[in-house]
N, C-alpha and C. Protein backbone atom coordinates (compact mmCIF):
# COMPACT_ATOMS: atom_id res chain seq x y z
N MET A 1 0.83 -1.20 -0.02
CA MET A 1 -0.01 -0.01 0.00
C MET A 1 0.86 1.23 -0.02
N LEU A 2 1.95 1.24 0.65
CA LEU A 2 2.87 2.37 0.74
C LEU A 2 3.42 2.68 -0.67
N ASN A 3 3.70 1.61 -1.42
CA ASN A 3 4.16 1.83 -2.80
C ASN A 3 3.15 2.46 -3.68
N ASN A 4 1.89 2.07 -3.44
CA ASN A 4 0.80 2.72 -4.27
C ASN A 4 0.70 4.17 -3.99
N ILE A 5 0.88 4.56 -2.72
CA ILE A 5 0.81 6.03 -2.41
C ILE A 5 2.00 6.70 -2.98
N LYS A 6 3.21 6.13 -2.95
CA LYS A 6 4.35 6.74 -3.53
C LYS A 6 4.19 6.93 -5.03
N LYS A 7 3.57 5.91 -5.72
CA LYS A 7 3.37 6.02 -7.14
C LYS A 7 2.34 7.17 -7.45
N PHE A 8 1.33 7.28 -6.58
CA PHE A 8 0.30 8.30 -6.76
C PHE A 8 0.88 9.73 -6.70
N PHE A 9 1.77 9.96 -5.72
CA PHE A 9 2.29 11.27 -5.51
C PHE A 9 3.63 11.53 -6.24
N ALA A 10 4.14 10.54 -6.92
CA ALA A 10 5.42 10.65 -7.57
C ALA A 10 5.29 11.52 -8.80
N LYS A 11 6.33 12.30 -9.11
CA LYS A 11 6.32 13.13 -10.31
C LYS A 11 6.54 12.30 -11.53
N PRO A 12 5.86 12.60 -12.59
CA PRO A 12 6.09 11.85 -13.87
C PRO A 12 7.52 12.04 -14.29
N GLU A 13 8.16 10.96 -14.78
CA GLU A 13 9.53 11.04 -15.22
C GLU A 13 9.64 11.81 -16.49
N GLU A 14 10.75 12.48 -16.63
CA GLU A 14 10.93 13.32 -17.83
C GLU A 14 11.23 12.34 -18.98
N ALA A 15 10.81 12.79 -20.18
CA ALA A 15 11.01 11.94 -21.36
C ALA A 15 12.52 11.90 -21.65
N LYS A 16 13.02 10.68 -21.78
CA LYS A 16 14.46 10.49 -22.08
C LYS A 16 14.64 10.39 -23.55
N PRO A 17 15.67 10.91 -24.11
CA PRO A 17 15.92 10.71 -25.54
C PRO A 17 16.12 9.27 -25.83
N GLU A 18 15.50 8.82 -26.93
CA GLU A 18 15.56 7.39 -27.22
C GLU A 18 16.89 7.04 -27.87
N SER A 19 17.45 7.96 -28.64
CA SER A 19 18.73 7.58 -29.24
C SER A 19 19.54 8.88 -29.41
N LYS A 20 20.79 8.71 -29.60
CA LYS A 20 21.68 9.90 -29.86
C LYS A 20 21.45 10.53 -31.17
N LYS A 21 20.97 9.76 -32.16
CA LYS A 21 20.71 10.23 -33.53
C LYS A 21 19.68 11.39 -33.46
N GLN A 22 18.68 11.21 -32.63
CA GLN A 22 17.63 12.25 -32.63
C GLN A 22 18.06 13.59 -32.01
N ASN A 23 19.07 13.58 -31.19
CA ASN A 23 19.59 14.82 -30.61
C ASN A 23 20.54 15.54 -31.45
N ARG A 24 21.00 14.92 -32.48
CA ARG A 24 21.95 15.60 -33.45
C ARG A 24 21.24 16.62 -34.26
N LYS A 25 21.91 17.71 -34.49
CA LYS A 25 21.32 18.72 -35.41
C LYS A 25 21.61 18.29 -36.81
N GLU A 26 20.58 18.45 -37.61
CA GLU A 26 20.74 18.12 -39.06
C GLU A 26 21.42 19.32 -39.73
N PRO A 27 22.15 19.03 -40.75
CA PRO A 27 22.86 20.17 -41.42
C PRO A 27 21.77 21.14 -42.03
N VAL A 28 22.09 22.43 -41.93
CA VAL A 28 21.16 23.43 -42.45
C VAL A 28 21.60 23.77 -43.86
N LEU A 29 20.61 23.83 -44.74
CA LEU A 29 20.88 24.17 -46.16
C LEU A 29 21.10 25.67 -46.26
N ASP A 30 21.81 26.10 -47.28
CA ASP A 30 22.06 27.51 -47.50
C ASP A 30 20.82 28.36 -47.60
N THR A 31 19.81 27.89 -48.24
CA THR A 31 18.55 28.65 -48.36
C THR A 31 17.89 28.78 -46.98
N GLU A 32 17.90 27.75 -46.22
CA GLU A 32 17.31 27.86 -44.87
C GLU A 32 18.10 28.89 -43.99
N LEU A 33 19.43 28.85 -44.14
CA LEU A 33 20.23 29.78 -43.38
C LEU A 33 19.95 31.21 -43.77
N ALA A 34 19.79 31.45 -45.02
CA ALA A 34 19.49 32.79 -45.56
C ALA A 34 18.10 33.23 -45.01
N GLU A 35 17.15 32.37 -44.98
CA GLU A 35 15.80 32.74 -44.51
C GLU A 35 15.90 33.05 -42.99
N GLN A 36 16.69 32.27 -42.22
CA GLN A 36 16.83 32.52 -40.80
C GLN A 36 17.50 33.88 -40.55
N GLU A 37 18.50 34.26 -41.37
CA GLU A 37 19.16 35.52 -41.18
C GLU A 37 18.23 36.73 -41.50
N THR A 38 17.43 36.55 -42.54
CA THR A 38 16.54 37.71 -42.89
C THR A 38 15.50 37.88 -41.80
N ILE A 39 15.07 36.76 -41.22
CA ILE A 39 14.10 36.88 -40.13
C ILE A 39 14.79 37.58 -38.94
N LYS A 40 16.00 37.25 -38.62
CA LYS A 40 16.72 37.88 -37.49
C LYS A 40 16.97 39.36 -37.77
N LYS A 41 17.24 39.73 -39.07
CA LYS A 41 17.59 41.11 -39.37
C LYS A 41 16.44 42.06 -39.40
N GLN A 42 15.19 41.50 -39.55
CA GLN A 42 14.03 42.38 -39.63
C GLN A 42 13.81 43.05 -38.28
N PRO A 43 13.60 44.32 -38.29
CA PRO A 43 13.40 44.97 -36.97
C PRO A 43 12.02 44.55 -36.40
N ARG A 44 12.06 44.50 -35.08
CA ARG A 44 10.77 44.13 -34.43
C ARG A 44 9.79 45.24 -34.64
N SER A 45 8.59 44.84 -34.90
CA SER A 45 7.59 45.87 -35.12
C SER A 45 7.22 46.50 -33.76
N LYS A 46 7.29 47.83 -33.79
CA LYS A 46 6.98 48.60 -32.54
C LYS A 46 5.51 48.46 -32.26
N LYS A 47 5.17 48.30 -30.99
CA LYS A 47 3.78 48.29 -30.61
C LYS A 47 3.28 49.73 -30.80
N GLU A 48 2.12 49.79 -31.37
CA GLU A 48 1.55 51.14 -31.62
C GLU A 48 1.29 51.77 -30.27
N GLU A 49 1.85 52.97 -30.10
CA GLU A 49 1.68 53.68 -28.85
C GLU A 49 0.28 54.38 -28.93
N LYS A 50 -0.44 54.26 -27.79
CA LYS A 50 -1.75 54.89 -27.78
C LYS A 50 -1.54 56.41 -27.58
N VAL A 51 -2.18 57.17 -28.41
CA VAL A 51 -2.14 58.64 -28.36
C VAL A 51 -3.08 59.06 -27.21
N LEU A 52 -2.57 59.71 -26.24
CA LEU A 52 -3.32 60.18 -25.12
C LEU A 52 -4.12 61.48 -25.48
N SER A 53 -5.30 61.55 -25.03
CA SER A 53 -6.11 62.79 -25.19
C SER A 53 -5.61 63.85 -24.25
N GLU A 54 -6.04 65.05 -24.39
CA GLU A 54 -5.68 66.20 -23.49
C GLU A 54 -6.16 65.84 -22.11
N LYS A 55 -7.34 65.32 -21.97
CA LYS A 55 -7.92 64.91 -20.63
C LYS A 55 -7.07 63.89 -19.98
N GLU A 56 -6.64 62.83 -20.73
CA GLU A 56 -5.82 61.78 -20.20
C GLU A 56 -4.43 62.29 -19.74
N LYS A 57 -3.86 63.21 -20.57
CA LYS A 57 -2.59 63.84 -20.18
C LYS A 57 -2.73 64.63 -18.90
N ALA A 58 -3.76 65.42 -18.73
CA ALA A 58 -3.94 66.24 -17.56
C ALA A 58 -4.21 65.34 -16.36
N THR A 59 -4.99 64.30 -16.52
CA THR A 59 -5.30 63.41 -15.44
C THR A 59 -4.03 62.70 -14.96
N ASN A 60 -3.24 62.19 -15.88
CA ASN A 60 -2.00 61.54 -15.55
C ASN A 60 -1.03 62.48 -14.83
N ALA A 61 -1.10 63.75 -15.19
CA ALA A 61 -0.20 64.74 -14.54
C ALA A 61 -0.79 65.31 -13.24
N GLY A 62 -1.98 64.89 -12.92
CA GLY A 62 -2.63 65.36 -11.69
C GLY A 62 -3.16 66.78 -11.78
N GLU A 63 -3.44 67.18 -12.97
CA GLU A 63 -3.91 68.59 -13.21
C GLU A 63 -5.43 68.56 -13.51
N PRO A 64 -6.07 69.68 -13.18
CA PRO A 64 -7.54 69.78 -13.54
C PRO A 64 -7.71 69.96 -15.03
N TYR A 65 -8.87 69.43 -15.51
CA TYR A 65 -9.12 69.50 -16.95
C TYR A 65 -10.61 69.81 -17.10
N ILE A 66 -10.94 70.78 -17.99
CA ILE A 66 -12.29 71.10 -18.35
C ILE A 66 -12.25 71.53 -19.85
N ALA A 67 -13.24 71.04 -20.59
CA ALA A 67 -13.29 71.44 -22.02
C ALA A 67 -14.72 71.45 -22.47
N ILE A 68 -15.02 72.29 -23.43
CA ILE A 68 -16.33 72.29 -24.12
C ILE A 68 -16.22 71.31 -25.27
N THR A 69 -16.99 70.23 -25.25
CA THR A 69 -16.85 69.29 -26.29
C THR A 69 -17.90 69.44 -27.40
N LYS A 70 -19.03 70.07 -27.08
CA LYS A 70 -20.06 70.21 -28.07
C LYS A 70 -20.89 71.48 -27.74
N VAL A 71 -21.34 72.15 -28.76
CA VAL A 71 -22.22 73.31 -28.58
C VAL A 71 -23.42 73.07 -29.53
N GLU A 72 -24.62 73.11 -28.96
CA GLU A 72 -25.84 72.97 -29.71
C GLU A 72 -26.67 74.23 -29.66
N ILE A 73 -27.10 74.66 -30.85
CA ILE A 73 -27.94 75.86 -30.88
C ILE A 73 -29.33 75.51 -31.57
N ASN A 74 -30.34 76.01 -31.00
CA ASN A 74 -31.68 75.76 -31.51
C ASN A 74 -31.80 76.60 -32.82
N PRO A 75 -32.05 75.92 -33.91
CA PRO A 75 -32.16 76.70 -35.18
C PRO A 75 -33.39 77.60 -35.21
N ASN A 76 -34.40 77.32 -34.41
CA ASN A 76 -35.59 78.16 -34.36
C ASN A 76 -35.42 79.40 -33.47
N ASN A 77 -34.52 79.26 -32.51
CA ASN A 77 -34.25 80.36 -31.59
C ASN A 77 -32.78 80.38 -31.28
N ILE A 78 -32.10 81.32 -31.94
CA ILE A 78 -30.59 81.31 -31.82
C ILE A 78 -30.16 81.67 -30.42
N ASN A 79 -31.01 82.19 -29.61
CA ASN A 79 -30.62 82.47 -28.20
C ASN A 79 -30.76 81.25 -27.28
N ASP A 80 -31.24 80.18 -27.78
CA ASP A 80 -31.43 78.95 -27.02
C ASP A 80 -30.34 77.93 -27.46
N GLY A 81 -29.58 77.46 -26.49
CA GLY A 81 -28.51 76.49 -26.84
C GLY A 81 -28.05 75.75 -25.65
N ALA A 82 -27.11 74.90 -25.85
CA ALA A 82 -26.56 74.09 -24.77
C ALA A 82 -25.10 73.79 -25.03
N PHE A 83 -24.35 73.58 -23.96
CA PHE A 83 -22.92 73.25 -24.05
C PHE A 83 -22.79 71.86 -23.47
N GLU A 84 -21.91 71.08 -24.06
CA GLU A 84 -21.55 69.76 -23.41
C GLU A 84 -20.11 69.89 -22.95
N LEU A 85 -19.87 69.65 -21.65
CA LEU A 85 -18.59 69.82 -20.99
C LEU A 85 -18.00 68.45 -20.69
N ASP A 86 -16.67 68.40 -20.70
CA ASP A 86 -15.94 67.17 -20.29
C ASP A 86 -14.93 67.62 -19.20
N TRP A 87 -14.81 66.90 -18.18
CA TRP A 87 -13.91 67.24 -17.05
C TRP A 87 -13.35 66.01 -16.41
N ASN A 88 -12.31 66.24 -15.61
CA ASN A 88 -11.72 65.10 -14.84
C ASN A 88 -12.04 65.30 -13.31
N ASP A 89 -11.68 64.28 -12.54
CA ASP A 89 -11.97 64.36 -11.09
C ASP A 89 -11.21 65.50 -10.40
N LYS A 90 -9.98 65.78 -10.84
CA LYS A 90 -9.21 66.84 -10.22
C LYS A 90 -9.90 68.13 -10.30
N PHE A 91 -10.56 68.41 -11.43
CA PHE A 91 -11.27 69.66 -11.62
C PHE A 91 -12.43 69.73 -10.66
N VAL A 92 -13.18 68.64 -10.50
CA VAL A 92 -14.33 68.63 -9.52
C VAL A 92 -13.84 68.81 -8.09
N ILE A 93 -12.68 68.24 -7.81
CA ILE A 93 -12.12 68.38 -6.41
C ILE A 93 -11.82 69.82 -6.16
N ASN A 94 -11.22 70.51 -7.13
CA ASN A 94 -10.96 71.93 -7.04
C ASN A 94 -12.17 72.74 -6.84
N LEU A 95 -13.24 72.45 -7.54
CA LEU A 95 -14.51 73.14 -7.43
C LEU A 95 -15.11 72.91 -6.01
N ILE A 96 -15.00 71.75 -5.48
CA ILE A 96 -15.47 71.44 -4.12
C ILE A 96 -14.73 72.24 -3.14
N LYS A 97 -13.42 72.32 -3.27
CA LYS A 97 -12.61 73.12 -2.40
C LYS A 97 -12.92 74.60 -2.44
N ALA A 98 -13.37 75.04 -3.64
CA ALA A 98 -13.70 76.46 -3.84
C ALA A 98 -15.12 76.78 -3.36
N GLY A 99 -15.90 75.76 -2.90
CA GLY A 99 -17.18 75.98 -2.34
C GLY A 99 -18.37 75.80 -3.26
N TYR A 100 -18.21 75.10 -4.37
CA TYR A 100 -19.30 74.92 -5.32
C TYR A 100 -20.17 73.68 -4.97
N LYS A 101 -19.82 72.96 -3.98
CA LYS A 101 -20.63 71.85 -3.51
C LYS A 101 -21.48 72.38 -2.34
N PHE A 102 -22.80 72.42 -2.52
CA PHE A 102 -23.70 72.93 -1.43
C PHE A 102 -24.27 71.85 -0.56
N LYS A 103 -24.54 70.69 -1.16
CA LYS A 103 -25.16 69.59 -0.41
C LYS A 103 -24.31 68.37 -0.60
N ASP A 104 -24.42 67.40 0.34
CA ASP A 104 -23.69 66.13 0.21
C ASP A 104 -24.21 65.29 -0.96
N THR A 105 -25.41 65.62 -1.38
CA THR A 105 -26.04 64.80 -2.47
C THR A 105 -25.72 65.44 -3.85
N ASP A 106 -25.00 66.53 -3.91
CA ASP A 106 -24.66 67.12 -5.21
C ASP A 106 -23.79 66.13 -6.03
N THR A 107 -24.15 66.02 -7.28
CA THR A 107 -23.35 65.15 -8.17
C THR A 107 -22.27 65.99 -8.80
N ASP A 108 -21.28 65.32 -9.47
CA ASP A 108 -20.23 66.05 -10.15
C ASP A 108 -20.84 66.94 -11.22
N ALA A 109 -21.83 66.50 -11.96
CA ALA A 109 -22.43 67.27 -13.01
C ALA A 109 -23.10 68.49 -12.45
N GLU A 110 -23.73 68.40 -11.31
CA GLU A 110 -24.37 69.58 -10.73
C GLU A 110 -23.34 70.64 -10.25
N ILE A 111 -22.22 70.09 -9.73
CA ILE A 111 -21.16 70.96 -9.25
C ILE A 111 -20.53 71.71 -10.37
N VAL A 112 -20.24 70.99 -11.50
CA VAL A 112 -19.69 71.64 -12.71
C VAL A 112 -20.70 72.60 -13.33
N ASP A 113 -21.90 72.22 -13.34
CA ASP A 113 -22.96 73.18 -13.94
C ASP A 113 -23.06 74.40 -13.10
N ARG A 114 -23.01 74.30 -11.80
CA ARG A 114 -23.08 75.47 -10.93
C ARG A 114 -21.87 76.40 -11.28
N TRP A 115 -20.70 75.84 -11.45
CA TRP A 115 -19.51 76.60 -11.77
C TRP A 115 -19.69 77.29 -13.11
N PHE A 116 -20.20 76.53 -14.12
CA PHE A 116 -20.33 77.09 -15.47
C PHE A 116 -21.36 78.21 -15.50
N GLN A 117 -22.43 78.03 -14.76
CA GLN A 117 -23.41 79.14 -14.65
C GLN A 117 -22.83 80.40 -14.07
N MET A 118 -21.98 80.23 -13.05
CA MET A 118 -21.31 81.38 -12.43
C MET A 118 -20.36 82.07 -13.42
N VAL A 119 -19.63 81.26 -14.21
CA VAL A 119 -18.74 81.89 -15.18
C VAL A 119 -19.54 82.68 -16.23
N CYS A 120 -20.63 82.06 -16.69
CA CYS A 120 -21.46 82.78 -17.69
C CYS A 120 -22.06 84.06 -17.10
N ARG A 121 -22.54 83.99 -15.80
CA ARG A 121 -23.13 85.13 -15.14
C ARG A 121 -22.07 86.21 -15.01
N ASN A 122 -20.82 85.88 -14.66
CA ASN A 122 -19.78 86.86 -14.50
C ASN A 122 -19.42 87.55 -15.85
N ILE A 123 -19.44 86.74 -16.91
CA ILE A 123 -19.13 87.31 -18.23
C ILE A 123 -20.29 88.32 -18.57
N ALA A 124 -21.50 87.98 -18.32
CA ALA A 124 -22.63 88.86 -18.66
C ALA A 124 -22.57 90.13 -17.83
N LEU A 125 -22.25 90.00 -16.53
CA LEU A 125 -22.18 91.19 -15.66
C LEU A 125 -21.02 92.09 -16.07
N GLU A 126 -19.88 91.54 -16.44
CA GLU A 126 -18.77 92.32 -16.87
C GLU A 126 -19.09 93.10 -18.15
N MET A 127 -19.74 92.44 -19.03
CA MET A 127 -20.12 93.14 -20.31
C MET A 127 -21.10 94.26 -20.01
N TYR A 128 -22.05 94.04 -19.11
CA TYR A 128 -23.03 95.02 -18.71
C TYR A 128 -22.35 96.21 -18.07
N GLU A 129 -21.39 95.94 -17.15
CA GLU A 129 -20.70 97.06 -16.51
C GLU A 129 -19.90 97.88 -17.47
N GLN A 130 -19.18 97.15 -18.43
CA GLN A 130 -18.41 97.91 -19.42
C GLN A 130 -19.30 98.76 -20.29
N LEU A 131 -20.45 98.25 -20.62
CA LEU A 131 -21.39 98.95 -21.47
C LEU A 131 -21.85 100.23 -20.78
N ASN A 132 -22.16 100.07 -19.47
CA ASN A 132 -22.68 101.25 -18.69
C ASN A 132 -21.55 102.18 -18.33
N ALA A 133 -20.35 101.77 -18.30
CA ALA A 133 -19.23 102.65 -17.94
C ALA A 133 -18.94 103.66 -19.07
N ASP A 134 -19.34 103.34 -20.28
CA ASP A 134 -19.13 104.26 -21.40
C ASP A 134 -20.25 105.28 -21.40
N PRO A 135 -19.94 106.59 -21.23
CA PRO A 135 -20.99 107.64 -21.08
C PRO A 135 -21.86 107.67 -22.40
N SER A 136 -21.29 107.39 -23.48
CA SER A 136 -22.08 107.48 -24.75
C SER A 136 -23.16 106.38 -24.81
N ASN A 137 -23.04 105.36 -24.00
CA ASN A 137 -24.02 104.26 -24.03
C ASN A 137 -25.06 104.39 -22.94
N ARG A 138 -24.97 105.36 -22.08
CA ARG A 138 -25.86 105.54 -20.99
C ARG A 138 -27.22 105.99 -21.46
N ASP A 139 -28.23 105.55 -20.84
CA ASP A 139 -29.62 105.98 -21.16
C ASP A 139 -29.87 107.32 -20.47
N PRO A 140 -30.04 108.39 -21.20
CA PRO A 140 -30.28 109.70 -20.56
C PRO A 140 -31.56 109.84 -19.83
N ASN A 141 -32.53 108.93 -20.13
CA ASN A 141 -33.81 108.99 -19.47
C ASN A 141 -33.78 108.46 -18.05
N ILE A 142 -32.81 107.67 -17.76
CA ILE A 142 -32.73 107.09 -16.42
C ILE A 142 -32.31 108.19 -15.43
N ARG A 143 -31.24 108.83 -15.68
CA ARG A 143 -30.80 109.93 -14.83
C ARG A 143 -30.06 110.92 -15.72
N PRO A 144 -30.63 111.96 -16.03
CA PRO A 144 -29.96 112.91 -16.95
C PRO A 144 -28.73 113.47 -16.31
N ILE A 145 -27.68 113.53 -17.02
CA ILE A 145 -26.47 114.11 -16.56
C ILE A 145 -26.39 115.61 -16.98
N GLN A 146 -26.26 116.44 -15.98
CA GLN A 146 -26.17 117.87 -16.23
C GLN A 146 -24.80 118.41 -15.83
N SER A 147 -24.29 119.25 -16.66
CA SER A 147 -22.98 119.85 -16.40
C SER A 147 -23.14 121.41 -16.45
N ARG A 148 -22.41 122.06 -15.55
CA ARG A 148 -22.47 123.54 -15.52
C ARG A 148 -21.06 124.09 -15.40
N ASP A 149 -20.77 125.03 -16.24
CA ASP A 149 -19.45 125.63 -16.26
C ASP A 149 -19.32 126.56 -15.06
N LEU A 150 -18.31 126.31 -14.24
CA LEU A 150 -18.04 127.13 -13.04
C LEU A 150 -17.05 128.25 -13.32
N GLY A 151 -16.39 128.22 -14.49
CA GLY A 151 -15.39 129.18 -14.78
C GLY A 151 -13.95 128.70 -14.36
N ASN A 152 -12.94 129.32 -14.82
CA ASN A 152 -11.60 128.96 -14.50
C ASN A 152 -11.29 127.47 -14.85
N GLY A 153 -11.91 126.97 -15.92
CA GLY A 153 -11.66 125.61 -16.36
C GLY A 153 -12.28 124.51 -15.52
N ARG A 154 -13.25 124.90 -14.67
CA ARG A 154 -13.86 123.91 -13.77
C ARG A 154 -15.32 123.72 -14.28
N THR A 155 -15.82 122.51 -14.04
CA THR A 155 -17.15 122.10 -14.42
C THR A 155 -17.81 121.32 -13.33
N GLU A 156 -19.08 121.61 -13.09
CA GLU A 156 -19.86 120.86 -12.11
C GLU A 156 -20.73 119.88 -12.83
N VAL A 157 -20.61 118.58 -12.49
CA VAL A 157 -21.41 117.50 -13.15
C VAL A 157 -22.35 116.91 -12.10
N SER A 158 -23.60 116.88 -12.44
CA SER A 158 -24.64 116.26 -11.54
C SER A 158 -25.58 115.40 -12.30
């Protein structure tokens, strides 16, 4: 019984060469040698390197990334449209640190949308302020500007 157990757990024996003739190398013909050399001389084909997108580059570098990927405009109302944005996690983390996350249930899309609305609002306000800063664009009916010459090169404006 002990022999049966040994046979069961024993490693299979390696195949032994049957004769010395089989281990000898056969002579290589000149044409075969030439084929082998051309195969060796051919450069290895380089694996095609994957081209990284700007988002992947920024993410790998640990930098924030945001881009407008698509703009849609309603052909019936040119003032109606939508933007499609693409961002990475680092960008959302920066927005959270800046206070754009109001609730724990806010999704990344809501946080980015809140930021984008603020950017658009700031652009509109800046343009409005610039427009009103130019005296030639002011509406005279809102508050008429009156000026009075005080003499000696001085003017009173009210």
